[in-house]
Structure formats: structure tokens, C-alpha cells
Amino acid sequence: MSRSGTTTSDRSHGGGSSRAEARPPRRPAAGRPHRRPARPGDRRRRLLVRAGVAVAVLGLLGWLLWGSPVLAVAAVRVDGAGTLTAAEVVDVAGVTEGTPLLRVDVAAAEARVARLPQVAGVEVTRGWPRSVVVTVVERVPVAVVEDAGERSLVDRDGVLFDTVTGRPPAGAVPLDVADPGPGDRATRAALAALVALPEDVRADVAGARAPSPEDVRLTLADGTTVLWGSADEVGEKAETLVALLGRLRAGALEPADTIDVSTPSAVVLR
């Protein structure tokens, strides 16, 4: 026994009881409800629900684009038409109002409009949300030719694309060739000469003829004959002719009945 009146055994059993007391069990923190561990079946159900929602959304979107009148053609607009009317282009394009935009066959519509003789190029596009736009590039007349009693306009490529009964449009020069068309070399040589000239000079050309691809001749409004020659060096020939006409009008050169620019580096006036 120690002086304090307790035994060693008492200290080991009784005196140390404060340390050995059992601590109360921890309770979940307030505001944190106990969560049940997710089961494989729950995850599967959630995935199925999400997949069902995605399918429904895709189905609705597909219906809106493919079958709904909400995104259907309400108008067909035509841009670039001049000699053609918008009604003619719309009729040939064959796009029906009320057709869902996604179901409009733009390639087929372009092919139909491209068959119009006056059309050099065409593009059909969808104008969301409710229109179709047909943009046409019409052929520009450079000359007018007579073939089998019919007068036709010709573009720079030699394509005969429209007929005329009265005066031809401005800028269309009467052209005399044996076999007008894009595959005729004489036609293409004469057109190359006309296209090379500035608009103000071409407006002064009263007529052109090409007995052969190497013999293109122009007649000016005052009766002057221009011997152009072949389709070679068209740029140089045009520049030379413009300069000569300027000097003739200014009185710097004696008037001439014939101007030969077939060899632009050796011009002959007579």
C-alpha cells in the first residue's frame, strides 16, 4: 500500500477509468441524409430513361426537318434574272411550296433551270427557315446571227440562246458566219475580236463577218473596214485599233477606208 492509501492494483483498475471510458458512437452530421448505395438496376434504369429522352428529341427534330410544315417552303425567290422572268424560272425549277426544306432536291432544280437557253449558270440554295433562292447568271449577247431565216443572239462562247424579231439589244453586233455555233472556229474567232474591244468601241461596230477563222473583218458605223485577221494577239490588236481610232478622230492621221491590224506591230492604213 502506498502513502496515498491506494494500491498499485487500484491505480491500474480504478484510477485510470477516465481514459478507458468508451466513447459514444458518432452520429451522422446534420443535413447529410444517409445514401443507399446505387444498385446496378438503378443505373440501368437511368440509362434507359436518358436513351428514351434522346430518341424522342431526335425523332422530334427529324420530324421538324423532314415532315413538318414549320420548316417548309413558303416562297421561291429568283435573283439575277433579266431577260427571263422570275415566274419562268420558278416554274422550271419545279420547287413546290409546302415541301419541307430538307426534302427539296436542289441539284435537280439546278439541272432543270440550267437547261434554259438563256442561263449560263445557276445555283439553288435553301433559305432557312422557309424559302428557296434560285440565283441565275444569264448569257450576255455579244452578236446576233441569222441562220435558216431565224435571228439568234450569241454569247461570247458562241452559244445561240435566244431569238429576236426586232432590233437586237445594245452591244449585240450583227455577225455573218457560215455555220454559227460554239463549235465553229470562225464564229469563235469573230467573237474573240468583239469581246476584246472596249464597250464604247464595240458600240461603233456596225457588223462583223468571218469567212474563215483567219479572216475576221469588222465594219465600223462610218463605213471603215477593219481587217482583224485571226484570233491571235487579240489584246494587242484591240489596243492598236483603239489608239488608231483616237488619232483619226483627233485629226492626227489622214482618214482611211481600211485599217489593217492583222499584224499589230505593222499596221497598214489605206
Protein backbone atom coordinates (compact mmCIF):
# COMPACT_ATOMS: atom_id res chain seq x y z
CA MET A 1 0.00 0.00 0.00
CA SER A 2 1.24 3.42 -0.92
CA ARG A 3 1.06 6.52 1.19
CA SER A 4 -1.97 7.77 -0.60
CA GLY A 5 -3.93 4.76 0.55
CA THR A 6 -4.33 3.14 -2.81
CA THR A 7 -2.71 0.09 -4.08
CA THR A 8 -0.99 -0.37 -7.34
CA SER A 9 -3.84 -2.58 -8.40
CA ASP A 10 -6.31 0.20 -7.58
CA ARG A 11 -4.39 2.63 -9.77
CA SER A 12 -4.36 0.28 -12.71
CA HIS A 13 -8.09 -0.54 -12.48
CA GLY A 14 -9.83 2.24 -10.71
CA GLY A 15 -7.60 5.26 -11.05
CA GLY A 16 -7.33 5.02 -14.88
CA SER A 17 -11.01 4.63 -15.56
CA SER A 18 -11.29 8.14 -17.14
CA ARG A 19 -9.07 7.05 -20.03
CA ALA A 20 -10.72 3.73 -20.51
CA GLU A 21 -14.26 5.04 -20.66
CA ALA A 22 -15.93 4.04 -24.00
CA ARG A 23 -16.62 6.94 -26.35
CA PRO A 24 -20.20 7.35 -27.64
CA PRO A 25 -20.77 6.30 -31.30
CA ARG A 26 -20.53 9.01 -33.90
CA ARG A 27 -23.73 10.23 -35.38
CA PRO A 28 -24.12 11.39 -39.00
CA ALA A 29 -23.62 15.09 -39.43
CA ALA A 30 -26.78 17.16 -39.53
CA GLY A 31 -28.09 17.79 -43.06
CA ARG A 32 -26.44 14.72 -44.61
CA PRO A 33 -29.04 12.04 -45.09
CA HIS A 34 -27.75 8.57 -45.37
CA ARG A 35 -27.48 7.47 -49.05
CA ARG A 36 -28.24 4.00 -50.11
CA PRO A 37 -25.52 2.61 -52.35
CA ALA A 38 -26.55 2.64 -56.02
CA ARG A 39 -27.53 -0.71 -57.37
CA PRO A 40 -26.81 -1.92 -60.91
CA GLY A 41 -30.53 -1.98 -61.63
CA ASP A 42 -30.89 1.70 -60.76
CA ARG A 43 -28.08 2.73 -63.11
CA ARG A 44 -29.63 0.67 -65.88
CA ARG A 45 -32.99 2.35 -65.42
CA ARG A 46 -31.41 5.81 -65.54
CA LEU A 47 -29.55 4.96 -68.74
CA LEU A 48 -32.75 3.67 -70.31
CA VAL A 49 -34.60 6.86 -69.38
CA ARG A 50 -31.85 9.02 -70.84
CA ALA A 51 -31.74 6.97 -74.02
CA GLY A 52 -35.51 7.25 -74.36
CA VAL A 53 -35.37 11.04 -73.99
CA ALA A 54 -32.58 11.27 -76.60
CA VAL A 55 -34.55 9.15 -79.06
CA ALA A 56 -37.64 11.30 -78.53
CA VAL A 57 -35.66 14.51 -79.10
CA LEU A 58 -34.06 13.12 -82.25
CA GLY A 59 -37.43 11.95 -83.51
CA LEU A 60 -38.96 15.37 -82.93
CA LEU A 61 -36.03 17.07 -84.66
CA GLY A 62 -36.30 14.70 -87.61
CA TRP A 63 -40.00 15.37 -87.94
CA LEU A 64 -39.44 19.14 -87.81
CA LEU A 65 -36.83 18.96 -90.57
CA TRP A 66 -38.30 16.23 -92.76
CA GLY A 67 -42.06 16.34 -92.41
CA SER A 68 -43.21 19.39 -90.51
CA PRO A 69 -44.82 22.40 -92.24
CA VAL A 70 -42.95 24.62 -89.77
CA LEU A 71 -39.77 24.47 -91.93
CA ALA A 72 -41.47 24.10 -95.31
CA VAL A 73 -41.10 26.20 -98.46
CA ALA A 74 -43.27 29.29 -98.28
CA ALA A 75 -41.61 31.24 -101.13
CA VAL A 76 -39.18 30.75 -104.03
CA ARG A 77 -37.02 33.81 -104.72
CA VAL A 78 -35.20 34.42 -108.01
CA ASP A 79 -32.06 36.57 -108.21
CA GLY A 80 -30.19 37.64 -111.35
CA ALA A 81 -32.98 37.23 -113.91
CA GLY A 82 -33.08 39.86 -116.65
CA THR A 83 -34.49 38.64 -119.94
CA LEU A 84 -36.13 35.78 -118.07
CA THR A 85 -39.00 36.48 -115.70
CA ALA A 86 -38.99 35.22 -112.15
CA ALA A 87 -42.17 33.25 -112.88
CA GLU A 88 -40.45 31.40 -115.74
CA VAL A 89 -37.53 30.42 -113.53
CA VAL A 90 -39.76 29.31 -110.65
CA ASP A 91 -41.91 27.24 -112.97
CA VAL A 92 -38.89 25.45 -114.47
CA ALA A 93 -37.20 24.94 -111.08
CA GLY A 94 -40.18 22.84 -110.01
CA VAL A 95 -39.93 23.58 -106.27
CA THR A 96 -43.38 23.16 -104.75
CA GLU A 97 -44.49 25.38 -101.92
CA GLY A 98 -45.18 23.42 -98.76
CA THR A 99 -42.31 20.99 -99.34
CA PRO A 100 -40.10 20.64 -96.24
CA LEU A 101 -36.84 22.44 -96.98
CA LEU A 102 -34.71 19.40 -96.26
CA ARG A 103 -36.60 17.43 -98.90
CA VAL A 104 -36.03 19.99 -101.68
CA ASP A 105 -33.73 18.43 -104.30
CA VAL A 106 -31.57 21.47 -105.06
CA ALA A 107 -29.38 19.57 -107.55
CA ALA A 108 -32.41 18.54 -109.62
CA ALA A 109 -33.79 22.09 -109.53
CA GLU A 110 -30.42 23.46 -110.71
CA ALA A 111 -30.32 20.95 -113.58
CA ARG A 112 -33.80 21.96 -114.74
CA VAL A 113 -33.04 25.69 -114.69
CA ALA A 114 -29.66 25.15 -116.39
CA ARG A 115 -31.49 23.74 -119.41
CA LEU A 116 -32.97 27.17 -120.14
CA PRO A 117 -31.05 28.54 -123.17
CA GLN A 118 -30.63 31.98 -121.56
CA VAL A 119 -28.92 30.58 -118.44
CA ALA A 120 -25.13 30.42 -118.29
CA GLY A 121 -25.02 29.37 -114.63
CA VAL A 122 -27.42 28.67 -111.76
CA GLU A 123 -27.32 27.93 -108.03
CA VAL A 124 -30.26 26.81 -105.91
CA THR A 125 -29.95 27.17 -102.13
CA ARG A 126 -32.18 26.70 -99.11
CA GLY A 127 -33.01 29.98 -97.40
CA TRP A 128 -33.82 28.90 -93.86
CA PRO A 129 -36.30 28.80 -92.37
CA ARG A 130 -38.90 28.93 -95.17
CA SER A 131 -37.59 29.86 -98.62
CA VAL A 132 -35.61 28.63 -101.60
CA VAL A 133 -33.32 31.00 -103.53
CA VAL A 134 -32.59 30.48 -107.24
CA THR A 135 -29.63 32.59 -108.42
CA VAL A 136 -29.15 32.67 -112.18
CA VAL A 137 -26.41 34.10 -114.37
CA GLU A 138 -27.83 34.91 -117.78
CA ARG A 139 -25.90 34.80 -121.02
CA VAL A 140 -24.82 38.21 -122.32
CA PRO A 141 -25.40 38.78 -126.04
CA VAL A 142 -22.27 39.71 -127.99
CA ALA A 143 -23.57 39.18 -131.51
CA VAL A 144 -26.69 38.36 -133.46
CA VAL A 145 -26.60 35.82 -136.30
CA GLU A 146 -29.09 34.70 -138.90
CA ASP A 147 -29.47 31.01 -139.51
CA ALA A 148 -32.24 29.40 -141.59
CA GLY A 149 -34.22 32.63 -141.58
CA GLU A 150 -34.07 32.97 -137.80
CA ARG A 151 -32.09 35.63 -135.95
CA SER A 152 -30.48 34.45 -132.74
CA LEU A 153 -28.45 36.06 -130.02
CA VAL A 154 -24.97 34.67 -129.42
CA ASP A 155 -22.90 34.89 -126.24
CA ARG A 156 -19.11 35.10 -126.03
CA ASP A 157 -18.80 31.29 -126.17
CA GLY A 158 -20.75 31.03 -129.40
CA VAL A 159 -23.93 29.68 -127.82
CA LEU A 160 -27.14 30.65 -129.61
CA PHE A 161 -29.54 31.22 -126.76
CA ASP A 162 -32.48 33.40 -127.80
CA THR A 163 -34.27 34.64 -130.89
CA VAL A 164 -35.05 38.23 -131.82
CA THR A 165 -37.54 39.68 -134.27
CA GLY A 166 -36.89 43.40 -133.87
CA ARG A 167 -33.73 45.34 -133.15
CA PRO A 168 -31.10 43.35 -131.25
CA PRO A 169 -30.16 44.52 -127.75
CA ALA A 170 -27.40 47.06 -127.30
CA GLY A 171 -23.95 45.57 -127.69
CA ALA A 172 -25.05 42.71 -129.96
CA VAL A 173 -23.18 43.12 -133.27
CA PRO A 174 -24.62 41.57 -136.46
CA LEU A 175 -22.30 38.68 -137.32
CA ASP A 176 -22.04 36.90 -140.65
CA VAL A 177 -20.59 33.38 -140.45
CA ALA A 178 -21.39 30.24 -142.43
CA ASP A 179 -22.07 27.90 -139.51
CA PRO A 180 -22.72 29.81 -136.27
CA GLY A 181 -22.23 27.90 -133.07
CA PRO A 182 -19.78 27.17 -130.25
CA GLY A 183 -18.00 24.51 -132.30
CA ASP A 184 -17.34 26.77 -135.30
CA ARG A 185 -13.82 28.22 -135.33
CA ALA A 186 -14.81 31.20 -137.49
CA THR A 187 -17.60 32.08 -135.07
CA ARG A 188 -15.27 31.88 -132.10
CA ALA A 189 -12.58 33.96 -133.83
CA ALA A 190 -15.06 36.75 -134.64
CA LEU A 191 -16.47 36.70 -131.11
CA ALA A 192 -12.95 36.88 -129.66
CA ALA A 193 -12.40 40.09 -131.62
CA LEU A 194 -15.67 41.64 -130.45
CA VAL A 195 -15.10 40.69 -126.81
CA ALA A 196 -11.59 42.16 -126.87
CA LEU A 197 -12.87 45.60 -127.82
CA PRO A 198 -13.88 48.14 -125.16
CA GLU A 199 -17.65 48.66 -124.95
CA ASP A 200 -17.54 52.15 -126.48
CA VAL A 201 -15.60 50.86 -129.50
CA ARG A 202 -17.79 47.79 -129.88
CA ALA A 203 -20.81 50.08 -129.89
CA ASP A 204 -19.31 51.70 -133.01
CA VAL A 205 -19.06 48.35 -134.84
CA ALA A 206 -21.91 48.06 -137.34
CA GLY A 207 -21.16 44.49 -138.35
CA ALA A 208 -18.65 41.65 -138.39
CA ARG A 209 -18.02 38.72 -140.68
CA ALA A 210 -15.62 35.82 -140.74
CA PRO A 211 -15.32 33.86 -144.00
CA SER A 212 -12.69 31.78 -142.19
CA PRO A 213 -11.07 31.64 -138.72
CA GLU A 214 -8.07 33.57 -140.12
CA ASP A 215 -10.09 36.29 -141.85
CA VAL A 216 -12.19 38.27 -139.37
CA ARG A 217 -13.41 41.65 -140.64
CA LEU A 218 -15.22 44.43 -138.79
CA THR A 219 -17.23 47.26 -140.32
CA LEU A 220 -17.45 50.49 -138.32
CA ALA A 221 -20.50 52.76 -138.30
CA ASP A 222 -18.77 55.27 -140.64
CA GLY A 223 -18.07 52.54 -143.20
CA THR A 224 -14.43 51.94 -142.30
CA THR A 225 -13.32 48.32 -142.70
CA VAL A 226 -11.05 46.80 -140.05
CA LEU A 227 -9.03 43.80 -141.18
CA TRP A 228 -8.62 41.87 -137.94
CA GLY A 229 -7.26 38.57 -139.17
CA SER A 230 -7.16 35.55 -136.86
CA ALA A 231 -7.90 35.16 -133.15
CA ASP A 232 -4.20 35.54 -132.31
CA GLU A 233 -2.95 38.57 -130.36
CA VAL A 234 -6.48 39.87 -129.78
CA GLY A 235 -5.36 42.07 -126.88
CA GLU A 236 -2.65 43.78 -128.91
CA LYS A 237 -4.97 44.24 -131.89
CA ALA A 238 -7.67 45.82 -129.71
CA GLU A 239 -5.20 48.25 -128.11
CA THR A 240 -3.76 49.20 -131.51
CA LEU A 241 -7.20 49.78 -133.03
CA VAL A 242 -8.33 51.93 -130.10
CA ALA A 243 -5.21 54.07 -130.38
CA LEU A 244 -5.58 54.48 -134.15
CA LEU A 245 -9.24 55.46 -133.90
CA GLY A 246 -8.34 58.05 -131.31
CA ARG A 247 -5.71 59.60 -133.57
CA LEU A 248 -8.03 59.53 -136.58
CA ARG A 249 -10.77 61.33 -134.66
CA ALA A 250 -8.25 63.89 -133.45
CA GLY A 251 -7.08 64.56 -137.00
CA ALA A 252 -3.56 63.32 -136.29
CA LEU A 253 -3.85 60.81 -139.14
CA GLU A 254 -5.29 61.02 -142.63
CA PRO A 255 -8.72 59.36 -142.93
CA ALA A 256 -8.58 55.77 -144.15
CA ASP A 257 -11.13 53.45 -145.67
CA THR A 258 -9.34 50.34 -144.40
CA ILE A 259 -7.39 49.72 -141.21
CA ASP A 260 -5.33 46.54 -141.17
CA VAL A 261 -4.42 45.42 -137.64
CA SER A 262 -3.95 41.74 -138.51
CA THR A 263 -0.29 42.26 -137.62
CA PRO A 264 -0.44 44.78 -134.76
CA SER A 265 3.24 45.58 -134.97
CA ALA A 266 2.92 46.63 -138.64
CA VAL A 267 -0.39 48.45 -139.08
CA VAL A 268 -1.50 49.49 -142.55
CA LEU A 269 -3.99 52.28 -143.29
CA ARG A 270 -5.26 52.82 -146.80
